[in-house]
Amino acid sequence: MISENLFNEAKKFLPGGVDSPVRAYKPYPFFAERAEGSKIYDVDGKTYIDYCLAYGPLVLGHANPLIIEEVTKQLKNGTAYGVPTENEIKLAKQVVKRVPCAEMVRFVNSGTEATMSAIRLARAFAAKNKIVKFEGSYHGAHDCVLVKSGSGAVGLPDSPGIPEDTTKNTILVPFNDEKAITELIKKEGKNIAAIIIEPVMGNVGCIPPKEGYLKFLREITAENDIVLIFDEVITGFRIAEGGAQEYFGVTPDLVTFGKILGGGFPIGALAGKKEFMDMIAPSGTVYQAGTFNGNPVSIKAGLTALKQLDSNFYSEMNLKGNKLRAGIQEILDSQNLDFKVAGLSSMFQIYFTDRDVLNYEDAKSAETDIFQIYFNKLLQDGVFIPPSQFECCFLSLMHDDDDIQKTLEVMENAIKTVKNSC
């Protein structure tokens, strides 16, 4: 197998043979040759219906023709300038037009950069140091958010190389738990600069908020002078034109974007109310900079992507998501299995547990060994999903009825295999 040989070679030069740990799975990952629409093709000649979609950015499918056309034109005009372009203004205007909290935008290069900058800005605005994040949430690979539960609510480093002094100001609480937030703010509210939250937790599978939970967070943060940050690196421009804040009708102070905003190219963004954003250099003193900020290729791809994301697009994606989730639930019911189907809009996941999944602790009850059997069977039969129980699966515009029908047939066989193994 060519993929196996390439993986063995890659391990000599790349840590673990990959450039991101989520891409590693046993016995070895397949190596992509090309992709188009809803399909990805490996170097061994196999075709997969793709529900990983590069972990979310490719909401229009692989190799979107309009994006390819416009990016090709941009490449001929240059790949980076180090000076502003008009398209940066155009894309910023689109973000401001669509996103309720956005009055100004700073473009960066990744979701990690966006959340790191948002936290720095929130701390400067509030003149306080502590931040709150939710157990199991992922806000990029920077030190103050790579934390795990420690003694009490204070986070401990989740990776060697992060000093405990760095995470002592990061407090963890369970998702969907109003009591935990209320008690924390009573105790620490005067020291808390910001609460950062994935409105839909997309890095422990897919956990939506309880009804009213985001509204509760908005109210309690406003009452206690705490900055509310929505991390919409995953949900931004996927579940609604204005992201999760439009979908749920809750407006934060700051929001971060990535993935879809770049149309398949690297990008991140921080947006928010003018009173916050004016604090960023050079108009203010909160430092943020980057050689590739506002990269003309990514900006052009993002502009072209957003032009295709209209109300009809979101209606169609909701229908596809509902159809797929309902089909999965029907399969589980037919097999008398009480596993949990989660998701909304074009996001979905199956948790291999009979426990309702409302937070990280619930998600951890899922049987990862069973998920691995399920994943391997799907892969064998030509359906590719992220290789972890704790990642979200995604639909694109290019997944048609035939794709969904074939996927459900493959999933039924995989779930029967799972049942026989239990």
Foldseek 3Di string as FASTA:
>chain_A
DVQVVQQVVLVVPPPNSDDDVLQADPPGHFAFDFFFFQWTAGPVGAIFREQCCVVAQQQATGPDPLLVVQLVVVVVVPFADLDDDPLVVVLQVLLQVQAPFFPGKWKDFAQLQQVVLVLLLLCVVLVAQAEEEEAQADRDDDFQRQFHADPDFFTAHNDPPRDRVSRRRYGYDWAQDLVRVVVCCVVCLSRYRAYEYACWRFQQATAHHDQCRLVSVLVVCVVSVHFYEHECQRQDLQQGSNGPCVVNVHHGAKYKYFRNLQLPHGMMMIGGHPVSVCCEPPSHDSDDDDSCTPGVSSSSSNVSSSVPRDPVQQVVQQVLCVVLLVLLVVLCVVVVAQWDWDDGRFKIATFQDNDDDNTNVSSVRGDFVLLQLLQVQSVVVRYHARNGNRGITGHHPSCDPVNSVVSSVSSSVSVVVSVVVD
